[in-house]
Amino acid sequence: MPIYQRFPRYGSDHRDMMWEQKLQAKDELSQLPAWMQNPPAWAKKFWLGLALVGSVEILRILVIVAGSMLSTR
C-alpha cells in the first residue's frame, strides 16, 4: 500500500466523521433562495445578451490588435 494511503485522513473513521458532519454530501442548491434556484426568464435573456455583447467586443479587439500587428512594417 502506498505511503499516502496509510495516513489517517484515508481511514474509515475520517470518512465516517466527514459523512456525519455532512461535509461530503452537502447540498448547496437547497440553501439558495428561490429566485437563485430558478432565475426569471428576463434575467437569463439579459445575461445571455450581456455575454454575447462581451464576446463580440473581445473578438473585435482581437481583430483590431491582429490587424495592427500585421500592418506594421
N, C-alpha and C. Protein backbone atom coordinates (compact mmCIF):
# COMPACT_ATOMS: atom_id res chain seq x y z
N MET A 1 0.85 -1.18 0.00
CA MET A 1 0.00 0.00 0.00
C MET A 1 0.90 1.25 0.00
N PRO A 2 0.63 2.20 -0.88
CA PRO A 2 1.44 3.42 -0.92
C PRO A 2 1.37 4.19 0.40
N ILE A 3 2.41 4.96 0.67
CA ILE A 3 2.52 5.66 1.96
C ILE A 3 1.40 6.68 2.14
N TYR A 4 0.99 7.34 1.08
CA TYR A 4 -0.03 8.37 1.23
C TYR A 4 -1.41 7.80 1.55
N GLN A 5 -1.61 6.52 1.30
CA GLN A 5 -2.88 5.91 1.66
C GLN A 5 -2.89 5.38 3.08
N ARG A 6 -1.75 5.38 3.74
CA ARG A 6 -1.69 4.94 5.13
C ARG A 6 -2.02 6.07 6.10
N PHE A 7 -2.03 7.30 5.63
CA PHE A 7 -2.32 8.43 6.51
C PHE A 7 -3.74 8.33 7.06
N PRO A 8 -3.99 8.89 8.25
CA PRO A 8 -5.30 8.74 8.89
C PRO A 8 -6.46 9.38 8.12
N ARG A 9 -6.18 10.36 7.27
CA ARG A 9 -7.29 11.01 6.56
C ARG A 9 -7.96 10.07 5.56
N TYR A 10 -7.32 8.95 5.25
CA TYR A 10 -7.90 7.99 4.34
C TYR A 10 -8.58 6.84 5.07
N GLY A 11 -8.60 6.89 6.37
CA GLY A 11 -9.20 5.80 7.13
C GLY A 11 -10.71 5.89 7.16
N SER A 12 -11.34 4.83 7.63
CA SER A 12 -12.81 4.79 7.69
C SER A 12 -13.34 5.74 8.75
N ASP A 13 -12.59 5.98 9.83
CA ASP A 13 -13.05 6.91 10.86
C ASP A 13 -13.18 8.32 10.30
N HIS A 14 -12.20 8.74 9.53
CA HIS A 14 -12.25 10.07 8.94
C HIS A 14 -13.40 10.17 7.94
N ARG A 15 -13.59 9.13 7.13
CA ARG A 15 -14.67 9.12 6.16
C ARG A 15 -16.03 9.20 6.85
N ASP A 16 -16.20 8.43 7.93
CA ASP A 16 -17.47 8.44 8.66
C ASP A 16 -17.71 9.79 9.34
N MET A 17 -16.65 10.40 9.87
CA MET A 17 -16.81 11.70 10.50
C MET A 17 -17.21 12.75 9.47
N MET A 18 -16.61 12.71 8.28
CA MET A 18 -16.97 13.66 7.23
C MET A 18 -18.42 13.47 6.81
N TRP A 19 -18.87 12.23 6.76
CA TRP A 19 -20.26 11.96 6.37
C TRP A 19 -21.22 12.46 7.44
N GLU A 20 -20.89 12.25 8.71
CA GLU A 20 -21.76 12.69 9.80
C GLU A 20 -21.85 14.21 9.87
N GLN A 21 -20.75 14.88 9.56
CA GLN A 21 -20.75 16.33 9.57
C GLN A 21 -21.34 16.92 8.28
N LYS A 22 -21.77 16.04 7.38
CA LYS A 22 -22.38 16.42 6.11
C LYS A 22 -21.45 17.28 5.26
N LEU A 23 -20.16 16.96 5.33
CA LEU A 23 -19.20 17.68 4.50
C LEU A 23 -19.02 17.02 3.15
N GLN A 24 -19.37 15.74 3.05
CA GLN A 24 -19.22 15.06 1.77
C GLN A 24 -20.46 15.19 0.91
N ALA A 25 -21.62 15.30 1.48
CA ALA A 25 -22.86 15.32 0.71
C ALA A 25 -23.66 16.57 1.00
N LYS A 26 -22.98 17.71 1.05
CA LYS A 26 -23.68 18.96 1.33
C LYS A 26 -24.40 19.43 0.07
N ASP A 27 -25.68 19.66 0.17
CA ASP A 27 -26.49 20.11 -0.96
C ASP A 27 -26.58 21.63 -0.92
N GLU A 28 -25.71 22.29 -1.67
CA GLU A 28 -25.64 23.75 -1.64
C GLU A 28 -26.85 24.38 -2.35
N LEU A 29 -27.42 23.69 -3.34
CA LEU A 29 -28.53 24.29 -4.07
C LEU A 29 -29.78 24.44 -3.22
N SER A 30 -29.96 23.57 -2.25
CA SER A 30 -31.17 23.67 -1.43
C SER A 30 -31.09 24.85 -0.47
N GLN A 31 -29.90 25.41 -0.24
CA GLN A 31 -29.76 26.52 0.67
C GLN A 31 -29.88 27.87 -0.03
N LEU A 32 -29.94 27.87 -1.36
CA LEU A 32 -30.06 29.12 -2.10
C LEU A 32 -31.49 29.63 -2.06
N PRO A 33 -31.69 30.95 -2.19
CA PRO A 33 -33.05 31.48 -2.28
C PRO A 33 -33.75 30.98 -3.54
N ALA A 34 -35.07 31.05 -3.55
CA ALA A 34 -35.85 30.50 -4.67
C ALA A 34 -35.54 31.21 -5.98
N TRP A 35 -35.32 32.52 -5.94
CA TRP A 35 -35.06 33.25 -7.19
C TRP A 35 -33.70 32.90 -7.78
N MET A 36 -32.79 32.38 -6.94
CA MET A 36 -31.49 31.97 -7.47
C MET A 36 -31.53 30.54 -7.99
N GLN A 37 -32.41 29.72 -7.46
CA GLN A 37 -32.51 28.34 -7.94
C GLN A 37 -33.12 28.30 -9.33
N ASN A 38 -34.11 29.13 -9.56
CA ASN A 38 -34.76 29.19 -10.86
C ASN A 38 -34.93 30.66 -11.24
N PRO A 39 -33.91 31.26 -11.88
CA PRO A 39 -33.98 32.69 -12.17
C PRO A 39 -35.07 33.00 -13.20
N PRO A 40 -35.59 34.23 -13.18
CA PRO A 40 -36.63 34.60 -14.14
C PRO A 40 -36.10 34.60 -15.57
N ALA A 41 -37.01 34.49 -16.52
CA ALA A 41 -36.64 34.40 -17.93
C ALA A 41 -35.93 35.67 -18.40
N TRP A 42 -36.37 36.82 -17.92
CA TRP A 42 -35.74 38.07 -18.37
C TRP A 42 -34.30 38.15 -17.90
N ALA A 43 -34.01 37.58 -16.72
CA ALA A 43 -32.64 37.60 -16.21
C ALA A 43 -31.73 36.70 -17.05
N LYS A 44 -32.26 35.55 -17.46
CA LYS A 44 -31.49 34.66 -18.32
C LYS A 44 -31.20 35.33 -19.67
N LYS A 45 -32.23 35.97 -20.26
CA LYS A 45 -32.05 36.64 -21.54
C LYS A 45 -31.04 37.78 -21.42
N PHE A 46 -31.14 38.55 -20.33
CA PHE A 46 -30.23 39.66 -20.11
C PHE A 46 -28.80 39.16 -19.98
N TRP A 47 -28.62 38.07 -19.21
CA TRP A 47 -27.29 37.51 -19.01
C TRP A 47 -26.71 36.98 -20.32
N LEU A 48 -27.52 36.29 -21.10
CA LEU A 48 -27.04 35.77 -22.38
C LEU A 48 -26.71 36.91 -23.34
N GLY A 49 -27.52 37.96 -23.35
CA GLY A 49 -27.24 39.12 -24.19
C GLY A 49 -25.95 39.80 -23.77
N LEU A 50 -25.76 39.94 -22.49
CA LEU A 50 -24.53 40.54 -21.98
C LEU A 50 -23.31 39.70 -22.36
N ALA A 51 -23.43 38.39 -22.26
CA ALA A 51 -22.33 37.50 -22.64
C ALA A 51 -22.05 37.60 -24.14
N LEU A 52 -23.09 37.72 -24.95
CA LEU A 52 -22.93 37.83 -26.40
C LEU A 52 -22.23 39.13 -26.76
N VAL A 53 -22.67 40.24 -26.17
CA VAL A 53 -22.04 41.53 -26.45
C VAL A 53 -20.59 41.52 -26.00
N GLY A 54 -20.31 40.96 -24.84
CA GLY A 54 -18.94 40.89 -24.35
C GLY A 54 -18.04 40.07 -25.25
N SER A 55 -18.54 38.94 -25.72
CA SER A 55 -17.72 38.09 -26.59
C SER A 55 -17.48 38.76 -27.93
N VAL A 56 -18.47 39.49 -28.46
CA VAL A 56 -18.27 40.21 -29.72
C VAL A 56 -17.24 41.32 -29.53
N GLU A 57 -17.28 42.00 -28.41
CA GLU A 57 -16.31 43.07 -28.15
C GLU A 57 -14.89 42.51 -28.01
N ILE A 58 -14.74 41.40 -27.34
CA ILE A 58 -13.42 40.77 -27.21
C ILE A 58 -12.91 40.34 -28.57
N LEU A 59 -13.78 39.77 -29.40
CA LEU A 59 -13.38 39.38 -30.74
C LEU A 59 -12.99 40.60 -31.57
N ARG A 60 -13.73 41.69 -31.43
CA ARG A 60 -13.43 42.92 -32.17
C ARG A 60 -12.05 43.46 -31.77
N ILE A 61 -11.76 43.45 -30.48
CA ILE A 61 -10.47 43.95 -30.01
C ILE A 61 -9.34 43.06 -30.51
N LEU A 62 -9.53 41.76 -30.50
CA LEU A 62 -8.51 40.84 -31.00
C LEU A 62 -8.24 41.06 -32.48
N VAL A 63 -9.30 41.30 -33.26
CA VAL A 63 -9.13 41.54 -34.70
C VAL A 63 -8.40 42.86 -34.92
N ILE A 64 -8.73 43.89 -34.16
CA ILE A 64 -8.05 45.18 -34.29
C ILE A 64 -6.57 45.04 -33.95
N VAL A 65 -6.26 44.36 -32.86
CA VAL A 65 -4.86 44.18 -32.46
C VAL A 65 -4.11 43.35 -33.50
N ALA A 66 -4.72 42.27 -33.98
CA ALA A 66 -4.06 41.45 -35.00
C ALA A 66 -3.85 42.25 -36.28
N GLY A 67 -4.83 43.05 -36.68
CA GLY A 67 -4.67 43.90 -37.87
C GLY A 67 -3.57 44.92 -37.69
N SER A 68 -3.47 45.50 -36.52
CA SER A 68 -2.41 46.47 -36.26
C SER A 68 -1.04 45.80 -36.28
N MET A 69 -0.96 44.59 -35.76
CA MET A 69 0.32 43.90 -35.75
C MET A 69 0.75 43.53 -37.18
N LEU A 70 -0.18 43.14 -38.00
CA LEU A 70 0.16 42.72 -39.35
C LEU A 70 0.42 43.91 -40.28
N SER A 71 -0.11 45.07 -39.95
CA SER A 71 0.06 46.22 -40.85
C SER A 71 1.32 47.01 -40.56
N THR A 72 1.99 46.74 -39.45
CA THR A 72 3.23 47.48 -39.17
C THR A 72 4.38 46.88 -39.97
N ARG A 73 5.37 47.71 -40.25
CA ARG A 73 6.49 47.24 -41.08
C ARG A 73 7.63 46.78 -40.24
